[in-house]
Amino acid sequence: MAIQLQRWFLVLAAGLLLSSGLARESHSSERPSADTLLRESLIGLADQEVIVSEVDIPPNTELPWHSHPGAEIFYVLSGTIVLMQRDQADIQSQEGEVRMIPRGVVHSGKTAEDGASLLIVRVHDAGQPERILAVQP
C-alpha cells in the first residue's frame, strides 16, 4: 500500500509540474511562500478535501511548529529540508524524495544553504485551517 501511494503521488507530482511549469531553480523571497494549486472536495467524502500546494522555503529557514487536520504528503522538488517531528529522529529529505506526515503530528522543517521547494498534498477535514500552530518543544 505504501509503495502504491508513493507511485501515485509521484505520478500526480510529475503531471502537475509538466502541465503548469512549476519547477523553479531559485528562491526569490526571504520568507516561505505557498501557492495553492488545487483545493477540492473529495467525491463521496463531503467532509474531506484535498489541497495541493507548491511551497518555497528560503535558505536557512526554520518553520514554526504546527500540525494539520489530516495527512500531509510532500515531494521535494529541489533543495533539502530536515523534517522534525516531536519525539522522533530528524529526517533529512532531498530532491526527489517523498515523505508522509500523519494527521495531527506536530512537526517543523528546517532548510540549509540551498533552501527547498516542495510539492505538498494534504487530505484533511473540510473547512478546517490548513495548519494549526503549536508550542515549540
N, C-alpha and C. Protein backbone atom coordinates (compact mmCIF):
# COMPACT_ATOMS: atom_id res chain seq x y z
N MET A 1 0.82 -1.20 0.00
CA MET A 1 0.00 0.00 0.00
C MET A 1 0.86 1.26 0.00
N ALA A 2 1.93 1.27 0.82
CA ALA A 2 2.80 2.45 0.88
C ALA A 2 3.48 2.69 -0.46
N ILE A 3 3.90 1.63 -1.14
CA ILE A 3 4.56 1.79 -2.43
C ILE A 3 3.58 2.30 -3.46
N GLN A 4 2.33 1.79 -3.46
CA GLN A 4 1.32 2.28 -4.39
C GLN A 4 1.04 3.75 -4.15
N LEU A 5 0.95 4.18 -2.89
CA LEU A 5 0.71 5.58 -2.56
C LEU A 5 1.85 6.44 -3.06
N GLN A 6 3.09 5.97 -2.87
CA GLN A 6 4.24 6.74 -3.32
C GLN A 6 4.24 6.87 -4.84
N ARG A 7 3.95 5.79 -5.56
CA ARG A 7 3.89 5.86 -7.02
C ARG A 7 2.79 6.80 -7.49
N TRP A 8 1.62 6.72 -6.86
CA TRP A 8 0.51 7.61 -7.21
C TRP A 8 0.92 9.06 -7.01
N PHE A 9 1.57 9.33 -5.90
CA PHE A 9 1.98 10.70 -5.61
C PHE A 9 3.00 11.20 -6.62
N LEU A 10 3.97 10.36 -6.98
CA LEU A 10 4.97 10.77 -7.96
C LEU A 10 4.35 11.06 -9.32
N VAL A 11 3.39 10.25 -9.73
CA VAL A 11 2.70 10.49 -11.00
C VAL A 11 1.93 11.82 -10.92
N LEU A 12 1.22 12.06 -9.83
CA LEU A 12 0.49 13.31 -9.65
C LEU A 12 1.44 14.49 -9.68
N ALA A 13 2.54 14.40 -8.94
CA ALA A 13 3.51 15.49 -8.88
C ALA A 13 4.10 15.79 -10.25
N ALA A 14 4.50 14.75 -10.97
CA ALA A 14 5.09 14.94 -12.30
C ALA A 14 4.08 15.58 -13.25
N GLY A 15 2.85 15.13 -13.21
CA GLY A 15 1.82 15.71 -14.07
C GLY A 15 1.58 17.18 -13.78
N LEU A 16 1.51 17.53 -12.51
CA LEU A 16 1.30 18.93 -12.15
C LEU A 16 2.47 19.79 -12.59
N LEU A 17 3.68 19.30 -12.40
CA LEU A 17 4.85 20.07 -12.79
C LEU A 17 4.92 20.27 -14.30
N LEU A 18 4.68 19.21 -15.05
CA LEU A 18 4.76 19.32 -16.50
C LEU A 18 3.66 20.20 -17.07
N SER A 19 2.47 20.13 -16.49
CA SER A 19 1.36 20.88 -17.05
C SER A 19 1.34 22.34 -16.64
N SER A 20 1.99 22.67 -15.53
CA SER A 20 1.90 24.06 -15.08
C SER A 20 3.24 24.77 -15.02
N GLY A 21 4.33 24.10 -15.36
CA GLY A 21 5.63 24.76 -15.39
C GLY A 21 6.07 25.26 -14.03
N LEU A 22 5.90 24.48 -13.00
CA LEU A 22 6.20 24.95 -11.65
C LEU A 22 7.64 24.79 -11.23
N ALA A 23 8.42 23.99 -11.91
CA ALA A 23 9.80 23.77 -11.48
C ALA A 23 10.55 25.10 -11.50
N ARG A 24 11.19 25.41 -10.40
CA ARG A 24 11.94 26.66 -10.29
C ARG A 24 13.35 26.36 -9.86
N GLU A 25 14.29 27.18 -10.30
CA GLU A 25 15.68 26.94 -9.97
C GLU A 25 16.16 27.77 -8.79
N SER A 26 15.45 28.81 -8.41
CA SER A 26 15.94 29.63 -7.31
C SER A 26 14.78 30.10 -6.45
N HIS A 27 15.12 30.54 -5.26
CA HIS A 27 14.12 31.06 -4.33
C HIS A 27 14.16 32.58 -4.40
N SER A 28 13.04 33.20 -4.69
CA SER A 28 13.03 34.62 -4.96
C SER A 28 12.66 35.48 -3.75
N SER A 29 12.27 34.88 -2.65
CA SER A 29 11.90 35.67 -1.49
C SER A 29 12.65 35.18 -0.27
N GLU A 30 12.58 35.97 0.80
CA GLU A 30 13.26 35.60 2.02
C GLU A 30 12.32 34.95 3.02
N ARG A 31 11.06 34.86 2.70
CA ARG A 31 10.07 34.19 3.55
C ARG A 31 9.47 33.03 2.79
N PRO A 32 9.07 31.99 3.51
CA PRO A 32 8.41 30.89 2.80
C PRO A 32 7.18 31.41 2.05
N SER A 33 6.98 30.86 0.87
CA SER A 33 5.80 31.24 0.10
C SER A 33 5.07 29.97 -0.33
N ALA A 34 3.76 30.09 -0.44
CA ALA A 34 2.95 28.93 -0.84
C ALA A 34 1.94 29.35 -1.89
N ASP A 35 1.84 28.57 -2.94
CA ASP A 35 0.84 28.76 -3.97
C ASP A 35 -0.08 27.54 -3.95
N THR A 36 -1.36 27.77 -3.67
CA THR A 36 -2.32 26.67 -3.69
C THR A 36 -2.68 26.40 -5.14
N LEU A 37 -2.40 25.18 -5.59
CA LEU A 37 -2.65 24.79 -6.97
C LEU A 37 -4.03 24.16 -7.14
N LEU A 38 -4.53 23.53 -6.07
CA LEU A 38 -5.82 22.85 -6.12
C LEU A 38 -6.37 22.75 -4.72
N ARG A 39 -7.67 23.00 -4.59
CA ARG A 39 -8.39 22.79 -3.33
C ARG A 39 -9.78 22.32 -3.71
N GLU A 40 -10.05 21.05 -3.50
CA GLU A 40 -11.31 20.45 -3.95
C GLU A 40 -11.84 19.47 -2.91
N SER A 41 -13.17 19.37 -2.86
CA SER A 41 -13.79 18.33 -2.04
C SER A 41 -13.55 16.99 -2.71
N LEU A 42 -13.54 15.95 -1.90
CA LEU A 42 -13.35 14.61 -2.44
C LEU A 42 -14.72 13.99 -2.72
N ILE A 43 -14.89 13.44 -3.88
CA ILE A 43 -16.16 12.83 -4.27
C ILE A 43 -16.49 11.69 -3.32
N GLY A 44 -17.68 11.72 -2.79
CA GLY A 44 -18.12 10.67 -1.87
C GLY A 44 -17.70 10.89 -0.43
N LEU A 45 -16.88 11.90 -0.19
CA LEU A 45 -16.44 12.23 1.17
C LEU A 45 -16.64 13.72 1.39
N ALA A 46 -17.87 14.11 1.67
CA ALA A 46 -18.22 15.52 1.77
C ALA A 46 -17.46 16.25 2.86
N ASP A 47 -16.97 15.54 3.85
CA ASP A 47 -16.28 16.20 4.95
C ASP A 47 -14.76 16.21 4.78
N GLN A 48 -14.26 15.80 3.61
CA GLN A 48 -12.82 15.78 3.34
C GLN A 48 -12.52 16.59 2.08
N GLU A 49 -11.32 17.20 2.06
CA GLU A 49 -10.89 17.90 0.86
C GLU A 49 -9.41 17.63 0.62
N VAL A 50 -8.99 17.83 -0.61
CA VAL A 50 -7.59 17.69 -0.97
C VAL A 50 -7.06 19.08 -1.33
N ILE A 51 -5.85 19.37 -0.85
CA ILE A 51 -5.20 20.64 -1.15
C ILE A 51 -3.82 20.31 -1.71
N VAL A 52 -3.50 20.87 -2.87
CA VAL A 52 -2.19 20.70 -3.48
C VAL A 52 -1.54 22.07 -3.53
N SER A 53 -0.32 22.16 -3.00
CA SER A 53 0.39 23.44 -2.94
C SER A 53 1.85 23.26 -3.31
N GLU A 54 2.42 24.32 -3.87
CA GLU A 54 3.87 24.38 -4.01
C GLU A 54 4.35 25.36 -2.95
N VAL A 55 5.34 24.94 -2.18
CA VAL A 55 5.88 25.77 -1.10
C VAL A 55 7.37 25.96 -1.33
N ASP A 56 7.80 27.22 -1.36
CA ASP A 56 9.22 27.56 -1.47
C ASP A 56 9.69 28.05 -0.11
N ILE A 57 10.75 27.41 0.41
CA ILE A 57 11.29 27.78 1.71
C ILE A 57 12.72 28.26 1.49
N PRO A 58 12.99 29.51 1.86
CA PRO A 58 14.31 30.08 1.61
C PRO A 58 15.42 29.36 2.40
N PRO A 59 16.66 29.63 2.02
CA PRO A 59 17.79 29.05 2.75
C PRO A 59 17.77 29.44 4.23
N ASN A 60 18.28 28.55 5.06
CA ASN A 60 18.47 28.78 6.50
C ASN A 60 17.19 29.25 7.20
N THR A 61 16.09 28.59 6.90
CA THR A 61 14.80 28.94 7.49
C THR A 61 14.29 27.77 8.33
N GLU A 62 13.75 28.08 9.51
CA GLU A 62 13.07 27.07 10.32
C GLU A 62 11.60 27.45 10.40
N LEU A 63 10.74 26.54 10.00
CA LEU A 63 9.30 26.80 10.03
C LEU A 63 8.78 26.69 11.46
N PRO A 64 7.68 27.37 11.76
CA PRO A 64 7.08 27.22 13.09
C PRO A 64 6.53 25.80 13.28
N TRP A 65 6.52 25.33 14.51
CA TRP A 65 5.95 24.02 14.81
C TRP A 65 4.45 24.09 14.59
N HIS A 66 3.90 23.06 13.94
CA HIS A 66 2.48 23.06 13.60
C HIS A 66 2.01 21.64 13.33
N SER A 67 0.71 21.50 13.16
CA SER A 67 0.11 20.22 12.76
C SER A 67 -0.96 20.53 11.72
N HIS A 68 -1.56 19.46 11.19
CA HIS A 68 -2.61 19.60 10.18
C HIS A 68 -3.80 18.72 10.55
N PRO A 69 -5.01 19.13 10.19
CA PRO A 69 -6.20 18.31 10.46
C PRO A 69 -6.39 17.22 9.41
N GLY A 70 -5.30 16.56 9.06
CA GLY A 70 -5.32 15.49 8.08
C GLY A 70 -3.90 15.12 7.70
N ALA A 71 -3.76 14.15 6.82
CA ALA A 71 -2.44 13.69 6.39
C ALA A 71 -1.81 14.69 5.42
N GLU A 72 -0.48 14.77 5.49
CA GLU A 72 0.29 15.62 4.57
C GLU A 72 1.36 14.76 3.91
N ILE A 73 1.46 14.88 2.59
CA ILE A 73 2.50 14.19 1.84
C ILE A 73 3.27 15.27 1.09
N PHE A 74 4.61 15.23 1.20
CA PHE A 74 5.37 16.21 0.44
C PHE A 74 6.44 15.54 -0.39
N TYR A 75 6.67 16.15 -1.56
CA TYR A 75 7.68 15.71 -2.52
C TYR A 75 8.67 16.86 -2.66
N VAL A 76 9.96 16.58 -2.51
CA VAL A 76 10.98 17.62 -2.59
C VAL A 76 11.32 17.85 -4.06
N LEU A 77 10.94 19.02 -4.57
CA LEU A 77 11.22 19.39 -5.95
C LEU A 77 12.68 19.78 -6.13
N SER A 78 13.21 20.53 -5.15
CA SER A 78 14.61 20.95 -5.20
C SER A 78 15.08 21.28 -3.80
N GLY A 79 16.40 21.23 -3.61
CA GLY A 79 16.98 21.56 -2.32
C GLY A 79 16.86 20.43 -1.32
N THR A 80 17.04 20.79 -0.06
CA THR A 80 16.92 19.82 1.03
C THR A 80 16.18 20.46 2.19
N ILE A 81 15.51 19.61 2.96
CA ILE A 81 14.80 20.07 4.16
C ILE A 81 14.90 18.97 5.21
N VAL A 82 15.05 19.38 6.46
CA VAL A 82 15.05 18.43 7.56
C VAL A 82 13.65 18.46 8.17
N LEU A 83 13.00 17.30 8.18
CA LEU A 83 11.68 17.16 8.79
C LEU A 83 11.90 16.84 10.27
N MET A 84 11.34 17.66 11.13
CA MET A 84 11.44 17.45 12.57
C MET A 84 10.04 17.15 13.10
N GLN A 85 9.91 16.07 13.85
CA GLN A 85 8.64 15.67 14.45
C GLN A 85 8.88 15.43 15.93
N ARG A 86 7.93 15.82 16.74
CA ARG A 86 8.09 15.62 18.18
C ARG A 86 8.32 14.15 18.50
N ASP A 87 9.29 13.91 19.38
CA ASP A 87 9.62 12.57 19.87
C ASP A 87 10.06 11.61 18.76
N GLN A 88 10.58 12.15 17.65
CA GLN A 88 11.08 11.33 16.54
C GLN A 88 12.46 11.84 16.13
N ALA A 89 13.25 10.99 15.52
CA ALA A 89 14.53 11.42 14.96
C ALA A 89 14.27 12.32 13.75
N ASP A 90 15.12 13.33 13.56
CA ASP A 90 15.01 14.20 12.39
C ASP A 90 15.26 13.39 11.12
N ILE A 91 14.58 13.77 10.04
CA ILE A 91 14.71 13.08 8.76
C ILE A 91 15.10 14.11 7.70
N GLN A 92 16.28 13.94 7.11
CA GLN A 92 16.69 14.83 6.03
C GLN A 92 16.06 14.33 4.74
N SER A 93 15.47 15.25 3.99
CA SER A 93 14.82 14.92 2.74
C SER A 93 15.42 15.77 1.64
N GLN A 94 15.76 15.14 0.54
CA GLN A 94 16.37 15.86 -0.57
C GLN A 94 15.57 15.69 -1.85
N GLU A 95 16.00 16.39 -2.88
CA GLU A 95 15.30 16.37 -4.16
C GLU A 95 14.92 14.96 -4.58
N GLY A 96 13.63 14.78 -4.95
CA GLY A 96 13.14 13.51 -5.42
C GLY A 96 12.57 12.60 -4.35
N GLU A 97 12.67 12.99 -3.09
CA GLU A 97 12.16 12.15 -2.01
C GLU A 97 10.74 12.56 -1.60
N VAL A 98 9.98 11.57 -1.12
CA VAL A 98 8.60 11.76 -0.68
C VAL A 98 8.51 11.40 0.80
N ARG A 99 7.80 12.19 1.57
CA ARG A 99 7.57 11.91 2.99
C ARG A 99 6.09 12.08 3.29
N MET A 100 5.61 11.36 4.30
CA MET A 100 4.23 11.49 4.74
C MET A 100 4.21 11.81 6.23
N ILE A 101 3.37 12.77 6.59
CA ILE A 101 3.19 13.16 7.99
C ILE A 101 1.73 12.86 8.34
N PRO A 102 1.50 11.98 9.32
CA PRO A 102 0.12 11.63 9.68
C PRO A 102 -0.65 12.81 10.30
N ARG A 103 -1.95 12.69 10.26
CA ARG A 103 -2.88 13.66 10.84
C ARG A 103 -2.47 14.00 12.28
N GLY A 104 -2.43 15.29 12.60
CA GLY A 104 -2.23 15.75 13.97
C GLY A 104 -0.82 15.68 14.52
N VAL A 105 0.15 15.17 13.76
CA VAL A 105 1.53 15.08 14.25
C VAL A 105 2.16 16.47 14.22
N VAL A 106 2.67 16.91 15.36
CA VAL A 106 3.31 18.22 15.44
C VAL A 106 4.70 18.11 14.81
N HIS A 107 4.98 19.02 13.87
CA HIS A 107 6.23 18.95 13.12
C HIS A 107 6.70 20.33 12.70
N SER A 108 7.92 20.37 12.18
CA SER A 108 8.52 21.58 11.65
C SER A 108 9.48 21.17 10.54
N GLY A 109 10.02 22.13 9.85
CA GLY A 109 11.01 21.87 8.82
C GLY A 109 12.10 22.91 8.89
N LYS A 110 13.30 22.50 8.49
CA LYS A 110 14.43 23.42 8.54
C LYS A 110 15.26 23.22 7.28
N THR A 111 15.60 24.33 6.62
CA THR A 111 16.43 24.26 5.42
C THR A 111 17.86 24.68 5.73
N ALA A 112 18.77 24.31 4.83
CA ALA A 112 20.17 24.72 4.94
C ALA A 112 20.42 25.81 3.89
N GLU A 113 21.64 25.89 3.41
CA GLU A 113 22.02 26.97 2.48
C GLU A 113 21.30 26.92 1.15
N ASP A 114 20.80 25.75 0.76
CA ASP A 114 20.16 25.65 -0.55
C ASP A 114 18.65 25.87 -0.54
N GLY A 115 18.04 26.00 0.65
CA GLY A 115 16.59 26.17 0.70
C GLY A 115 15.89 24.93 0.16
N ALA A 116 14.59 25.02 -0.07
CA ALA A 116 13.85 23.88 -0.60
C ALA A 116 12.57 24.35 -1.28
N SER A 117 12.17 23.59 -2.27
CA SER A 117 10.89 23.79 -2.93
C SER A 117 10.16 22.46 -2.83
N LEU A 118 8.91 22.47 -2.33
CA LEU A 118 8.15 21.26 -2.07
C LEU A 118 6.81 21.29 -2.81
N LEU A 119 6.37 20.13 -3.25
CA LEU A 119 5.01 19.95 -3.72
C LEU A 119 4.30 19.22 -2.58
N ILE A 120 3.24 19.81 -2.04
CA ILE A 120 2.56 19.26 -0.87
C ILE A 120 1.13 18.90 -1.22
N VAL A 121 0.73 17.70 -0.80
CA VAL A 121 -0.65 17.25 -0.96
C VAL A 121 -1.19 16.96 0.43
N ARG A 122 -2.31 17.59 0.77
CA ARG A 122 -2.96 17.35 2.06
C ARG A 122 -4.37 16.84 1.81
N VAL A 123 -4.77 15.84 2.58
CA VAL A 123 -6.15 15.36 2.59
C VAL A 123 -6.62 15.56 4.01
N HIS A 124 -7.55 16.52 4.20
CA HIS A 124 -7.94 16.83 5.57
C HIS A 124 -9.40 17.23 5.68
N ASP A 125 -9.80 17.48 6.91
CA ASP A 125 -11.18 17.84 7.21
C ASP A 125 -11.55 19.15 6.52
N ALA A 126 -12.61 19.13 5.74
CA ALA A 126 -13.07 20.31 5.02
C ALA A 126 -13.44 21.41 6.00
N GLY A 127 -13.12 22.63 5.64
CA GLY A 127 -13.48 23.78 6.45
C GLY A 127 -12.53 24.07 7.61
N GLN A 128 -11.55 23.22 7.83
CA GLN A 128 -10.58 23.43 8.91
C GLN A 128 -9.39 24.21 8.35
N PRO A 129 -8.64 24.90 9.23
CA PRO A 129 -7.45 25.60 8.75
C PRO A 129 -6.43 24.61 8.22
N GLU A 130 -5.60 25.07 7.29
CA GLU A 130 -4.58 24.19 6.72
C GLU A 130 -3.53 23.79 7.74
N ARG A 131 -3.24 24.69 8.67
CA ARG A 131 -2.24 24.37 9.70
C ARG A 131 -2.66 24.95 11.03
N ILE A 132 -2.24 24.27 12.09
CA ILE A 132 -2.54 24.70 13.45
C ILE A 132 -1.20 24.89 14.15
N LEU A 133 -0.90 26.13 14.53
CA LEU A 133 0.37 26.42 15.19
C LEU A 133 0.42 25.73 16.55
N ALA A 134 1.62 25.27 16.92
CA ALA A 134 1.82 24.57 18.19
C ALA A 134 2.93 25.25 18.97
N VAL A 135 3.01 24.94 20.24
CA VAL A 135 4.08 25.46 21.08
C VAL A 135 5.36 24.73 20.69
N GLN A 136 6.45 25.50 20.54
CA GLN A 136 7.73 24.89 20.18
C GLN A 136 8.21 24.01 21.32
N PRO A 137 8.76 22.82 20.99
CA PRO A 137 9.22 21.91 22.05
C PRO A 137 10.42 22.44 22.81
